[in-house]
Amino acid sequence: MNLTNELAKQRNRDAAERTLMAWIRTCLSLISFGFGLDKIVEAIDRSGGGQGAPVEWGVQLVAAAFTITGILAMAGATVQDDYFYRDKPHIAAATAVMLTLIGVLALGLIAARAGS
């Protein structure tokens, strides 16, 4: 194998991993914002400062939309990642999969609160 070719492959792998990490940051922000928004509304409702169901449902829909967007974008970014290696673990891809599962859990908690 040519050293130049191997270095070029490594640069491509590194660029793909940086791109995936950027997707992870963006999707984590979306999921966190959606979940946090729902928890803020829940805290306001518990303190008795809520204005009622119509405002709460609207905020819960927006919170769920942020969370769903983060989940779908993370799943898409993970599937788009072409660089899976046998010789070393792909930490960014594992992180992306775990973040997708955490996002699904957060969406389930938002849905459970909306159902109650």
PDB file of N, CA and C in Angstrom:
ATOM      1  N   MET A   1       0.834  -1.192   0.000  1.00  0.00           N
ATOM      2  CA  MET A   1       0.000   0.000   0.000  1.00  0.00           C
ATOM      3  C   MET A   1       0.874   1.248   0.000  1.00  0.00           C
ATOM      4  N   ASN A   2       0.375   2.223  -0.636  1.00  0.00           N
ATOM      5  CA  ASN A   2       1.086   3.485  -0.753  1.00  0.00           C
ATOM      6  C   ASN A   2       0.793   4.345   0.475  1.00  0.00           C
ATOM      7  N   LEU A   3       1.817   4.916   1.065  1.00  0.00           N
ATOM      8  CA  LEU A   3       1.652   5.739   2.263  1.00  0.00           C
ATOM      9  C   LEU A   3       0.761   6.948   1.984  1.00  0.00           C
ATOM     10  N   THR A   4       0.893   7.534   0.821  1.00  0.00           N
ATOM     11  CA  THR A   4       0.081   8.702   0.470  1.00  0.00           C
ATOM     12  C   THR A   4      -1.400   8.340   0.438  1.00  0.00           C
ATOM     13  N   ASN A   5      -1.711   7.184  -0.125  1.00  0.00           N
ATOM     14  CA  ASN A   5      -3.110   6.737  -0.170  1.00  0.00           C
ATOM     15  C   ASN A   5      -3.659   6.478   1.227  1.00  0.00           C
ATOM     16  N   GLU A   6      -2.852   5.857   2.077  1.00  0.00           N
ATOM     17  CA  GLU A   6      -3.298   5.588   3.446  1.00  0.00           C
ATOM     18  C   GLU A   6      -3.544   6.878   4.214  1.00  0.00           C
ATOM     19  N   LEU A   7      -2.665   7.861   4.040  1.00  0.00           N
ATOM     20  CA  LEU A   7      -2.861   9.147   4.714  1.00  0.00           C
ATOM     21  C   LEU A   7      -4.110   9.855   4.194  1.00  0.00           C
ATOM     22  N   ALA A   8      -4.379   9.753   2.919  1.00  0.00           N
ATOM     23  CA  ALA A   8      -5.586  10.352   2.348  1.00  0.00           C
ATOM     24  C   ALA A   8      -6.836   9.675   2.906  1.00  0.00           C
ATOM     25  N   LYS A   9      -6.797   8.352   3.027  1.00  0.00           N
ATOM     26  CA  LYS A   9      -7.934   7.625   3.620  1.00  0.00           C
ATOM     27  C   LYS A   9      -8.149   8.057   5.067  1.00  0.00           C
ATOM     28  N   GLN A  10      -7.073   8.218   5.812  1.00  0.00           N
ATOM     29  CA  GLN A  10      -7.187   8.632   7.214  1.00  0.00           C
ATOM     30  C   GLN A  10      -7.774  10.043   7.313  1.00  0.00           C
ATOM     31  N   ARG A  11      -7.364  10.941   6.430  1.00  0.00           N
ATOM     32  CA  ARG A  11      -7.933  12.300   6.430  1.00  0.00           C
ATOM     33  C   ARG A  11      -9.426  12.263   6.136  1.00  0.00           C
ATOM     34  N   ASN A  12      -9.839  11.402   5.213  1.00  0.00           N
ATOM     35  CA  ASN A  12     -11.266  11.265   4.901  1.00  0.00           C
ATOM     36  C   ASN A  12     -12.038  10.704   6.091  1.00  0.00           C
ATOM     37  N   ARG A  13     -11.456   9.728   6.756  1.00  0.00           N
ATOM     38  CA  ARG A  13     -12.108   9.161   7.944  1.00  0.00           C
ATOM     39  C   ARG A  13     -12.232  10.207   9.046  1.00  0.00           C
ATOM     40  N   ASP A  14     -11.178  10.958   9.244  1.00  0.00           N
ATOM     41  CA  ASP A  14     -11.211  12.010  10.270  1.00  0.00           C
ATOM     42  C   ASP A  14     -12.242  13.078   9.940  1.00  0.00           C
ATOM     43  N   ALA A  15     -12.344  13.446   8.672  1.00  0.00           N
ATOM     44  CA  ALA A  15     -13.340  14.441   8.263  1.00  0.00           C
ATOM     45  C   ALA A  15     -14.751  13.912   8.471  1.00  0.00           C
ATOM     46  N   ALA A  16     -14.973  12.640   8.158  1.00  0.00           N
ATOM     47  CA  ALA A  16     -16.294  12.046   8.366  1.00  0.00           C
ATOM     48  C   ALA A  16     -16.639  12.006   9.857  1.00  0.00           C
ATOM     49  N   GLU A  17     -15.662  11.708  10.687  1.00  0.00           N
ATOM     50  CA  GLU A  17     -15.907  11.662  12.123  1.00  0.00           C
ATOM     51  C   GLU A  17     -16.190  13.057  12.685  1.00  0.00           C
ATOM     52  N   ARG A  18     -15.486  14.071  12.205  1.00  0.00           N
ATOM     53  CA  ARG A  18     -15.761  15.444  12.643  1.00  0.00           C
ATOM     54  C   ARG A  18     -17.169  15.877  12.229  1.00  0.00           C
ATOM     55  N   THR A  19     -17.563  15.482  11.035  1.00  0.00           N
ATOM     56  CA  THR A  19     -18.911  15.813  10.575  1.00  0.00           C
ATOM     57  C   THR A  19     -19.963  15.134  11.446  1.00  0.00           C
ATOM     58  N   LEU A  20     -19.748  13.868  11.762  1.00  0.00           N
ATOM     59  CA  LEU A  20     -20.692  13.154  12.624  1.00  0.00           C
ATOM     60  C   LEU A  20     -20.747  13.782  14.015  1.00  0.00           C
ATOM     61  N   MET A  21     -19.609  14.196  14.535  1.00  0.00           N
ATOM     62  CA  MET A  21     -19.594  14.850  15.845  1.00  0.00           C
ATOM     63  C   MET A  21     -20.353  16.179  15.799  1.00  0.00           C
ATOM     64  N   ALA A  22     -20.278  16.894  14.691  1.00  0.00           N
ATOM     65  CA  ALA A  22     -21.053  18.131  14.547  1.00  0.00           C
ATOM     66  C   ALA A  22     -22.553  17.819  14.542  1.00  0.00           C
ATOM     67  N   TRP A  23     -22.935  16.752  13.861  1.00  0.00           N
ATOM     68  CA  TRP A  23     -24.340  16.338  13.883  1.00  0.00           C
ATOM     69  C   TRP A  23     -24.770  15.963  15.304  1.00  0.00           C
ATOM     70  N   ILE A  24     -23.895  15.280  16.020  1.00  0.00           N
ATOM     71  CA  ILE A  24     -24.221  14.886  17.392  1.00  0.00           C
ATOM     72  C   ILE A  24     -24.476  16.126  18.248  1.00  0.00           C
ATOM     73  N   ARG A  25     -23.624  17.139  18.134  1.00  0.00           N
ATOM     74  CA  ARG A  25     -23.821  18.370  18.911  1.00  0.00           C
ATOM     75  C   ARG A  25     -25.143  19.044  18.563  1.00  0.00           C
ATOM     76  N   THR A  26     -25.443  19.118  17.282  1.00  0.00           N
ATOM     77  CA  THR A  26     -26.675  19.776  16.850  1.00  0.00           C
ATOM     78  C   THR A  26     -27.902  19.016  17.336  1.00  0.00           C
ATOM     79  N   CYS A  27     -27.888  17.712  17.166  1.00  0.00           N
ATOM     80  CA  CYS A  27     -29.043  16.904  17.564  1.00  0.00           C
ATOM     81  C   CYS A  27     -29.207  16.859  19.076  1.00  0.00           C
ATOM     82  N   LEU A  28     -28.110  16.832  19.798  1.00  0.00           N
ATOM     83  CA  LEU A  28     -28.190  16.884  21.253  1.00  0.00           C
ATOM     84  C   LEU A  28     -28.836  18.190  21.697  1.00  0.00           C
ATOM     85  N   SER A  29     -28.512  19.277  21.035  1.00  0.00           N
ATOM     86  CA  SER A  29     -29.126  20.568  21.358  1.00  0.00           C
ATOM     87  C   SER A  29     -30.626  20.535  21.092  1.00  0.00           C
ATOM     88  N   LEU A  30     -31.042  19.973  19.966  1.00  0.00           N
ATOM     89  CA  LEU A  30     -32.463  19.896  19.641  1.00  0.00           C
ATOM     90  C   LEU A  30     -33.228  19.050  20.653  1.00  0.00           C
ATOM     91  N   ILE A  31     -32.697  17.881  20.965  1.00  0.00           N
ATOM     92  CA  ILE A  31     -33.360  16.983  21.913  1.00  0.00           C
ATOM     93  C   ILE A  31     -33.409  17.629  23.300  1.00  0.00           C
ATOM     94  N   SER A  32     -32.312  18.220  23.717  1.00  0.00           N
ATOM     95  CA  SER A  32     -32.267  18.864  25.042  1.00  0.00           C
ATOM     96  C   SER A  32     -33.226  20.037  25.126  1.00  0.00           C
ATOM     97  N   PHE A  33     -33.288  20.828  24.070  1.00  0.00           N
ATOM     98  CA  PHE A  33     -34.192  21.974  24.075  1.00  0.00           C
ATOM     99  C   PHE A  33     -35.639  21.515  24.167  1.00  0.00           C
ATOM    100  N   GLY A  34     -36.012  20.508  23.395  1.00  0.00           N
ATOM    101  CA  GLY A  34     -37.382  19.996  23.444  1.00  0.00           C
ATOM    102  C   GLY A  34     -37.739  19.428  24.809  1.00  0.00           C
ATOM    103  N   PHE A  35     -36.858  18.613  25.363  1.00  0.00           N
ATOM    104  CA  PHE A  35     -37.114  18.012  26.668  1.00  0.00           C
ATOM    105  C   PHE A  35     -37.132  19.080  27.761  1.00  0.00           C
ATOM    106  N   GLY A  36     -36.196  20.023  27.688  1.00  0.00           N
ATOM    107  CA  GLY A  36     -36.146  21.098  28.689  1.00  0.00           C
ATOM    108  C   GLY A  36     -37.373  21.985  28.636  1.00  0.00           C
ATOM    109  N   LEU A  37     -37.855  22.282  27.449  1.00  0.00           N
ATOM    110  CA  LEU A  37     -39.059  23.092  27.296  1.00  0.00           C
ATOM    111  C   LEU A  37     -40.248  22.410  27.956  1.00  0.00           C
ATOM    112  N   ASP A  38     -40.367  21.112  27.751  1.00  0.00           N
ATOM    113  CA  ASP A  38     -41.457  20.366  28.384  1.00  0.00           C
ATOM    114  C   ASP A  38     -41.333  20.390  29.908  1.00  0.00           C
ATOM    115  N   LYS A  39     -40.127  20.255  30.415  1.00  0.00           N
ATOM    116  CA  LYS A  39     -39.936  20.255  31.872  1.00  0.00           C
ATOM    117  C   LYS A  39     -40.199  21.637  32.473  1.00  0.00           C
ATOM    118  N   ILE A  40     -39.880  22.693  31.749  1.00  0.00           N
ATOM    119  CA  ILE A  40     -40.180  24.046  32.244  1.00  0.00           C
ATOM    120  C   ILE A  40     -41.682  24.235  32.361  1.00  0.00           C
ATOM    121  N   VAL A  41     -42.428  23.805  31.338  1.00  0.00           N
ATOM    122  CA  VAL A  41     -43.893  23.922  31.385  1.00  0.00           C
ATOM    123  C   VAL A  41     -44.460  23.069  32.515  1.00  0.00           C
ATOM    124  N   GLU A  42     -43.887  21.892  32.720  1.00  0.00           N
ATOM    125  CA  GLU A  42     -44.331  21.035  33.821  1.00  0.00           C
ATOM    126  C   GLU A  42     -44.097  21.721  35.169  1.00  0.00           C
ATOM    127  N   ALA A  43     -42.957  22.370  35.336  1.00  0.00           N
ATOM    128  CA  ALA A  43     -42.665  23.077  36.591  1.00  0.00           C
ATOM    129  C   ALA A  43     -43.625  24.251  36.794  1.00  0.00           C
ATOM    130  N   ILE A  44     -43.946  24.961  35.738  1.00  0.00           N
ATOM    131  CA  ILE A  44     -44.896  26.075  35.844  1.00  0.00           C
ATOM    132  C   ILE A  44     -46.273  25.553  36.229  1.00  0.00           C
ATOM    133  N   ASP A  45     -46.687  24.428  35.636  1.00  0.00           N
ATOM    134  CA  ASP A  45     -47.986  23.842  35.978  1.00  0.00           C
ATOM    135  C   ASP A  45     -48.041  23.402  37.438  1.00  0.00           C
ATOM    136  N   ARG A  46     -46.937  22.819  37.918  1.00  0.00           N
ATOM    137  CA  ARG A  46     -46.911  22.369  39.321  1.00  0.00           C
ATOM    138  C   ARG A  46     -46.976  23.535  40.292  1.00  0.00           C
ATOM    139  N   SER A  47     -46.417  24.676  39.890  1.00  0.00           N
ATOM    140  CA  SER A  47     -46.435  25.827  40.789  1.00  0.00           C
ATOM    141  C   SER A  47     -47.767  26.568  40.739  1.00  0.00           C
ATOM    142  N   GLY A  48     -48.643  26.147  39.830  1.00  0.00           N
ATOM    143  CA  GLY A  48     -49.958  26.780  39.751  1.00  0.00           C
ATOM    144  C   GLY A  48     -49.986  28.006  38.871  1.00  0.00           C
ATOM    145  N   GLY A  49     -48.921  28.265  38.137  1.00  0.00           N
ATOM    146  CA  GLY A  49     -48.870  29.450  37.292  1.00  0.00           C
ATOM    147  C   GLY A  49     -49.273  29.195  35.858  1.00  0.00           C
ATOM    148  N   GLY A  50     -49.679  27.965  35.541  1.00  0.00           N
ATOM    149  CA  GLY A  50     -50.057  27.636  34.171  1.00  0.00           C
ATOM    150  C   GLY A  50     -51.384  28.265  33.792  1.00  0.00           C
ATOM    151  N   GLN A  51     -51.580  28.506  32.501  1.00  0.00           N
ATOM    152  CA  GLN A  51     -52.805  29.148  32.039  1.00  0.00           C
ATOM    153  C   GLN A  51     -53.828  28.147  31.528  1.00  0.00           C
ATOM    154  N   GLY A  52     -53.532  26.887  31.538  1.00  0.00           N
ATOM    155  CA  GLY A  52     -54.517  25.918  31.109  1.00  0.00           C
ATOM    156  C   GLY A  52     -54.033  25.048  29.971  1.00  0.00           C
ATOM    157  N   ALA A  53     -54.946  24.187  29.523  1.00  0.00           N
ATOM    158  CA  ALA A  53     -54.624  23.156  28.544  1.00  0.00           C
ATOM    159  C   ALA A  53     -54.199  23.681  27.177  1.00  0.00           C
ATOM    160  N   PRO A  54     -54.853  24.698  26.577  1.00  0.00           N
ATOM    161  CA  PRO A  54     -54.468  25.078  25.215  1.00  0.00           C
ATOM    162  C   PRO A  54     -53.010  25.526  25.104  1.00  0.00           C
ATOM    163  N   VAL A  55     -52.529  26.304  26.047  1.00  0.00           N
ATOM    164  CA  VAL A  55     -51.142  26.754  26.007  1.00  0.00           C
ATOM    165  C   VAL A  55     -50.208  25.574  26.246  1.00  0.00           C
ATOM    166  N   GLU A  56     -50.565  24.714  27.201  1.00  0.00           N
ATOM    167  CA  GLU A  56     -49.726  23.574  27.523  1.00  0.00           C
ATOM    168  C   GLU A  56     -49.610  22.625  26.334  1.00  0.00           C
ATOM    169  N   TRP A  57     -50.706  22.329  25.654  1.00  0.00           N
ATOM    170  CA  TRP A  57     -50.658  21.429  24.502  1.00  0.00           C
ATOM    171  C   TRP A  57     -49.792  21.998  23.386  1.00  0.00           C
ATOM    172  N   GLY A  58     -49.905  23.302  23.166  1.00  0.00           N
ATOM    173  CA  GLY A  58     -49.090  23.925  22.130  1.00  0.00           C
ATOM    174  C   GLY A  58     -47.609  23.805  22.434  1.00  0.00           C
ATOM    175  N   VAL A  59     -47.239  24.053  23.675  1.00  0.00           N
ATOM    176  CA  VAL A  59     -45.831  23.962  24.066  1.00  0.00           C
ATOM    177  C   VAL A  59     -45.361  22.515  24.010  1.00  0.00           C
ATOM    178  N   GLN A  60     -46.207  21.582  24.404  1.00  0.00           N
ATOM    179  CA  GLN A  60     -45.819  20.170  24.343  1.00  0.00           C
ATOM    180  C   GLN A  60     -45.625  19.715  22.898  1.00  0.00           C
ATOM    181  N   LEU A  61     -46.445  20.226  21.986  1.00  0.00           N
ATOM    182  CA  LEU A  61     -46.259  19.878  20.580  1.00  0.00           C
ATOM    183  C   LEU A  61     -44.938  20.423  20.049  1.00  0.00           C
ATOM    184  N   VAL A  62     -44.609  21.641  20.427  1.00  0.00           N
ATOM    185  CA  VAL A  62     -43.328  22.222  20.001  1.00  0.00           C
ATOM    186  C   VAL A  62     -42.163  21.441  20.616  1.00  0.00           C
ATOM    187  N   ALA A  63     -42.287  21.084  21.892  1.00  0.00           N
ATOM    188  CA  ALA A  63     -41.235  20.301  22.555  1.00  0.00           C
ATOM    189  C   ALA A  63     -41.063  18.950  21.870  1.00  0.00           C
ATOM    190  N   ALA A  64     -42.171  18.300  21.549  1.00  0.00           N
ATOM    191  CA  ALA A  64     -42.095  17.008  20.854  1.00  0.00           C
ATOM    192  C   ALA A  64     -41.501  17.177  19.462  1.00  0.00           C
ATOM    193  N   ALA A  65     -41.835  18.274  18.786  1.00  0.00           N
ATOM    194  CA  ALA A  65     -41.292  18.514  17.443  1.00  0.00           C
ATOM    195  C   ALA A  65     -39.772  18.691  17.480  1.00  0.00           C
ATOM    196  N   PHE A  66     -39.272  19.444  18.461  1.00  0.00           N
ATOM    197  CA  PHE A  66     -37.819  19.598  18.600  1.00  0.00           C
ATOM    198  C   PHE A  66     -37.159  18.244  18.854  1.00  0.00           C
ATOM    199  N   THR A  67     -37.758  17.456  19.726  1.00  0.00           N
ATOM    200  CA  THR A  67     -37.191  16.160  20.075  1.00  0.00           C
ATOM    201  C   THR A  67     -37.212  15.212  18.879  1.00  0.00           C
ATOM    202  N   ILE A  68     -38.326  15.173  18.165  1.00  0.00           N
ATOM    203  CA  ILE A  68     -38.431  14.304  16.988  1.00  0.00           C
ATOM    204  C   ILE A  68     -37.434  14.730  15.912  1.00  0.00           C
ATOM    205  N   THR A  69     -37.288  16.031  15.712  1.00  0.00           N
ATOM    206  CA  THR A  69     -36.317  16.518  14.730  1.00  0.00           C
ATOM    207  C   THR A  69     -34.904  16.072  15.099  1.00  0.00           C
ATOM    208  N   GLY A  70     -34.556  16.178  16.372  1.00  0.00           N
ATOM    209  CA  GLY A  70     -33.237  15.730  16.821  1.00  0.00           C
ATOM    210  C   GLY A  70     -33.029  14.236  16.621  1.00  0.00           C
ATOM    211  N   ILE A  71     -34.066  13.441  16.916  1.00  0.00           N
ATOM    212  CA  ILE A  71     -33.965  11.985  16.761  1.00  0.00           C
ATOM    213  C   ILE A  71     -33.785  11.613  15.295  1.00  0.00           C
ATOM    214  N   LEU A  72     -34.621  12.184  14.437  1.00  0.00           N
ATOM    215  CA  LEU A  72     -34.551  11.841  13.013  1.00  0.00           C
ATOM    216  C   LEU A  72     -33.233  12.296  12.384  1.00  0.00           C
ATOM    217  N   ALA A  73     -32.783  13.486  12.747  1.00  0.00           N
ATOM    218  CA  ALA A  73     -31.510  13.978  12.208  1.00  0.00           C
ATOM    219  C   ALA A  73     -30.351  13.106  12.683  1.00  0.00           C
ATOM    220  N   MET A  74     -30.395  12.678  13.936  1.00  0.00           N
ATOM    221  CA  MET A  74     -29.321  11.840  14.459  1.00  0.00           C
ATOM    222  C   MET A  74     -29.328  10.475  13.789  1.00  0.00           C
ATOM    223  N   ALA A  75     -30.517   9.912  13.590  1.00  0.00           N
ATOM    224  CA  ALA A  75     -30.595   8.623  12.908  1.00  0.00           C
ATOM    225  C   ALA A  75     -30.092   8.750  11.470  1.00  0.00           C
ATOM    226  N   GLY A  76     -30.468   9.836  10.802  1.00  0.00           N
ATOM    227  CA  GLY A  76     -30.005  10.052   9.438  1.00  0.00           C
ATOM    228  C   GLY A  76     -28.507  10.248   9.356  1.00  0.00           C
ATOM    229  N   ALA A  77     -27.950  10.991  10.279  1.00  0.00           N
ATOM    230  CA  ALA A  77     -26.498  11.214  10.280  1.00  0.00           C
ATOM    231  C   ALA A  77     -25.745   9.924  10.570  1.00  0.00           C
ATOM    232  N   THR A  78     -26.300   9.074  11.409  1.00  0.00           N
ATOM    233  CA  THR A  78     -25.650   7.805  11.723  1.00  0.00           C
ATOM    234  C   THR A  78     -25.663   6.877  10.515  1.00  0.00           C
ATOM    235  N   VAL A  79     -26.793   6.816   9.818  1.00  0.00           N
ATOM    236  CA  VAL A  79     -26.899   5.959   8.643  1.00  0.00           C
ATOM    237  C   VAL A  79     -26.014   6.490   7.516  1.00  0.00           C
ATOM    238  N   GLN A  80     -25.892   7.803   7.424  1.00  0.00           N
ATOM    239  CA  GLN A  80     -25.095   8.428   6.370  1.00  0.00           C
ATOM    240  C   GLN A  80     -23.605   8.159   6.560  1.00  0.00           C
ATOM    241  N   ASP A  81     -23.178   7.873   7.785  1.00  0.00           N
ATOM    242  CA  ASP A  81     -21.765   7.654   8.073  1.00  0.00           C
ATOM    243  C   ASP A  81     -21.294   6.373   7.397  1.00  0.00           C
ATOM    244  N   ASP A  82     -20.378   6.504   6.447  1.00  0.00           N
ATOM    245  CA  ASP A  82     -19.896   5.359   5.667  1.00  0.00           C
ATOM    246  C   ASP A  82     -18.653   4.708   6.236  1.00  0.00           C
ATOM    247  N   TYR A  83     -18.055   5.278   7.249  1.00  0.00           N
ATOM    248  CA  TYR A  83     -16.760   4.806   7.717  1.00  0.00           C
ATOM    249  C   TYR A  83     -16.907   3.964   8.979  1.00  0.00           C
ATOM    250  N   PHE A  84     -17.197   2.692   8.794  1.00  0.00           N
ATOM    251  CA  PHE A  84     -17.196   1.757   9.905  1.00  0.00           C
ATOM    252  C   PHE A  84     -15.932   0.918   9.784  1.00  0.00           C
ATOM    253  N   TYR A  85     -15.222   0.758  10.881  1.00  0.00           N
ATOM    254  CA  TYR A  85     -13.918   0.102  10.828  1.00  0.00           C
ATOM    255  C   TYR A  85     -13.957  -1.200  11.611  1.00  0.00           C
ATOM    256  N   ARG A  86     -13.149  -2.126  11.174  1.00  0.00           N
ATOM    257  CA  ARG A  86     -12.996  -3.371  11.919  1.00  0.00           C
ATOM    258  C   ARG A  86     -11.820  -3.293  12.879  1.00  0.00           C
ATOM    259  N   ASP A  87     -10.841  -2.446  12.531  1.00  0.00           N
ATOM    260  CA  ASP A  87      -9.612  -2.429  13.306  1.00  0.00           C
ATOM    261  C   ASP A  87      -9.665  -1.554  14.549  1.00  0.00           C
ATOM    262  N   LYS A  88     -10.618  -0.632  14.626  1.00  0.00           N
ATOM    263  CA  LYS A  88     -10.729   0.190  15.829  1.00  0.00           C
ATOM    264  C   LYS A  88     -12.189   0.565  16.061  1.00  0.00           C
ATOM    265  N   PRO A  89     -12.569   0.769  17.294  1.00  0.00           N
ATOM    266  CA  PRO A  89     -13.967   1.118  17.572  1.00  0.00           C
ATOM    267  C   PRO A  89     -14.303   2.496  17.011  1.00  0.00           C
ATOM    268  N   HIS A  90     -15.512   2.652  16.587  1.00  0.00           N
ATOM    269  CA  HIS A  90     -15.990   3.911  16.026  1.00  0.00           C
ATOM    270  C   HIS A  90     -16.819   4.601  17.116  1.00  0.00           C
ATOM    271  N   ILE A  91     -16.156   5.372  17.941  1.00  0.00           N
ATOM    272  CA  ILE A  91     -16.782   5.971  19.116  1.00  0.00           C
ATOM    273  C   ILE A  91     -17.867   6.966  18.728  1.00  0.00           C
ATOM    274  N   ALA A  92     -17.650   7.733  17.679  1.00  0.00           N
ATOM    275  CA  ALA A  92     -18.652   8.722  17.271  1.00  0.00           C
ATOM    276  C   ALA A  92     -19.944   8.040  16.855  1.00  0.00           C
ATOM    277  N   ALA A  93     -19.871   6.945  16.122  1.00  0.00           N
ATOM    278  CA  ALA A  93     -21.082   6.232  15.707  1.00  0.00           C
ATOM    279  C   ALA A  93     -21.799   5.626  16.910  1.00  0.00           C
ATOM    280  N   ALA A  94     -21.046   5.069  17.860  1.00  0.00           N
ATOM    281  CA  ALA A  94     -21.666   4.522  19.072  1.00  0.00           C
ATOM    282  C   ALA A  94     -22.347   5.624  19.873  1.00  0.00           C
ATOM    283  N   THR A  95     -21.722   6.780  19.950  1.00  0.00           N
ATOM    284  CA  THR A  95     -22.316   7.916  20.643  1.00  0.00           C
ATOM    285  C   THR A  95     -23.605   8.357  19.953  1.00  0.00           C
ATOM    286  N   ALA A  96     -23.587   8.368  18.626  1.00  0.00           N
ATOM    287  CA  ALA A  96     -24.772   8.766  17.869  1.00  0.00           C
ATOM    288  C   ALA A  96     -25.931   7.797  18.106  1.00  0.00           C
ATOM    289  N   VAL A  97     -25.643   6.511  18.144  1.00  0.00           N
ATOM    290  CA  VAL A  97     -26.695   5.521  18.395  1.00  0.00           C
ATOM    291  C   VAL A  97     -27.262   5.697  19.801  1.00  0.00           C
ATOM    292  N   MET A  98     -26.399   5.882  20.783  1.00  0.00           N
ATOM    293  CA  MET A  98     -26.867   6.079  22.161  1.00  0.00           C
ATOM    294  C   MET A  98     -27.693   7.360  22.288  1.00  0.00           C
ATOM    295  N   LEU A  99     -27.264   8.416  21.610  1.00  0.00           N
ATOM    296  CA  LEU A  99     -28.010   9.667  21.648  1.00  0.00           C
ATOM    297  C   LEU A  99     -29.387   9.499  21.024  1.00  0.00           C
ATOM    298  N   THR A 100     -29.478   8.718  19.963  1.00  0.00           N
ATOM    299  CA  THR A 100     -30.779   8.444  19.349  1.00  0.00           C
ATOM    300  C   THR A 100     -31.687   7.727  20.340  1.00  0.00           C
ATOM    301  N   LEU A 101     -31.155   6.756  21.058  1.00  0.00           N
ATOM    302  CA  LEU A 101     -31.954   6.034  22.055  1.00  0.00           C
ATOM    303  C   LEU A 101     -32.376   6.953  23.204  1.00  0.00           C
ATOM    304  N   ILE A 102     -31.483   7.825  23.632  1.00  0.00           N
ATOM    305  CA  ILE A 102     -31.825   8.783  24.687  1.00  0.00           C
ATOM    306  C   ILE A 102     -32.918   9.731  24.202  1.00  0.00           C
ATOM    307  N   GLY A 103     -32.844  10.142  22.942  1.00  0.00           N
ATOM    308  CA  GLY A 103     -33.880  11.001  22.368  1.00  0.00           C
ATOM    309  C   GLY A 103     -35.227  10.312  22.331  1.00  0.00           C
ATOM    310  N   VAL A 104     -35.239   9.036  21.991  1.00  0.00           N
ATOM    311  CA  VAL A 104     -36.496   8.274  21.993  1.00  0.00           C
ATOM    312  C   VAL A 104     -37.058   8.196  23.407  1.00  0.00           C
ATOM    313  N   LEU A 105     -36.207   7.995  24.391  1.00  0.00           N
ATOM    314  CA  LEU A 105     -36.643   7.977  25.790  1.00  0.00           C
ATOM    315  C   LEU A 105     -37.229   9.333  26.196  1.00  0.00           C
ATOM    316  N   ALA A 106     -36.557  10.422  25.806  1.00  0.00           N
ATOM    317  CA  ALA A 106     -37.061  11.759  26.126  1.00  0.00           C
ATOM    318  C   ALA A 106     -38.420  11.992  25.471  1.00  0.00           C
ATOM    319  N   LEU A 107     -38.570  11.554  24.230  1.00  0.00           N
ATOM    320  CA  LEU A 107     -39.854  11.701  23.544  1.00  0.00           C
ATOM    321  C   LEU A 107     -40.936  10.895  24.245  1.00  0.00           C
ATOM    322  N   GLY A 108     -40.584   9.708  24.713  1.00  0.00           N
ATOM    323  CA  GLY A 108     -41.543   8.907  25.475  1.00  0.00           C
ATOM    324  C   GLY A 108     -41.983   9.605  26.757  1.00  0.00           C
ATOM    325  N   LEU A 109     -41.065  10.269  27.439  1.00  0.00           N
ATOM    326  CA  LEU A 109     -41.432  10.997  28.655  1.00  0.00           C
ATOM    327  C   LEU A 109     -42.332  12.180  28.336  1.00  0.00           C
ATOM    328  N   ILE A 110     -42.059  12.873  27.227  1.00  0.00           N
ATOM    329  CA  ILE A 110     -42.916  13.992  26.819  1.00  0.00           C
ATOM    330  C   ILE A 110     -44.313  13.472  26.487  1.00  0.00           C
ATOM    331  N   ALA A 111     -44.370  12.358  25.753  1.00  0.00           N
ATOM    332  CA  ALA A 111     -45.664  11.773  25.378  1.00  0.00           C
ATOM    333  C   ALA A 111     -46.432  11.288  26.605  1.00  0.00           C
ATOM    334  N   ALA A 112     -45.724  10.712  27.572  1.00  0.00           N
ATOM    335  CA  ALA A 112     -46.386  10.234  28.783  1.00  0.00           C
ATOM    336  C   ALA A 112     -46.994  11.391  29.567  1.00  0.00           C
ATOM    337  N   ARG A 113     -46.296  12.521  29.615  1.00  0.00           N
ATOM    338  CA  ARG A 113     -46.838  13.678  30.314  1.00  0.00           C
ATOM    339  C   ARG A 113     -48.025  14.270  29.556  1.00  0.00           C
ATOM    340  N   ALA A 114     -47.976  14.210  28.225  1.00  0.00           N
ATOM    341  CA  ALA A 114     -49.083  14.738  27.422  1.00  0.00           C
ATOM    342  C   ALA A 114     -50.324  13.874  27.610  1.00  0.00           C
ATOM    343  N   GLY A 115     -50.121  12.571  27.823  1.00  0.00           N
ATOM    344  CA  GLY A 115     -51.249  11.663  28.014  1.00  0.00           C
ATOM    345  C   GLY A 115     -51.890  11.755  29.377  1.00  0.00           C
ATOM    346  N   SER A 116     -51.186  12.314  30.343  1.00  0.00           N
ATOM    347  CA  SER A 116     -51.741  12.374  31.706  1.00  0.00           C
ATOM    348  C   SER A 116     -52.529  13.641  31.947  1.00  0.00           C
TER     349      SER A 116
END
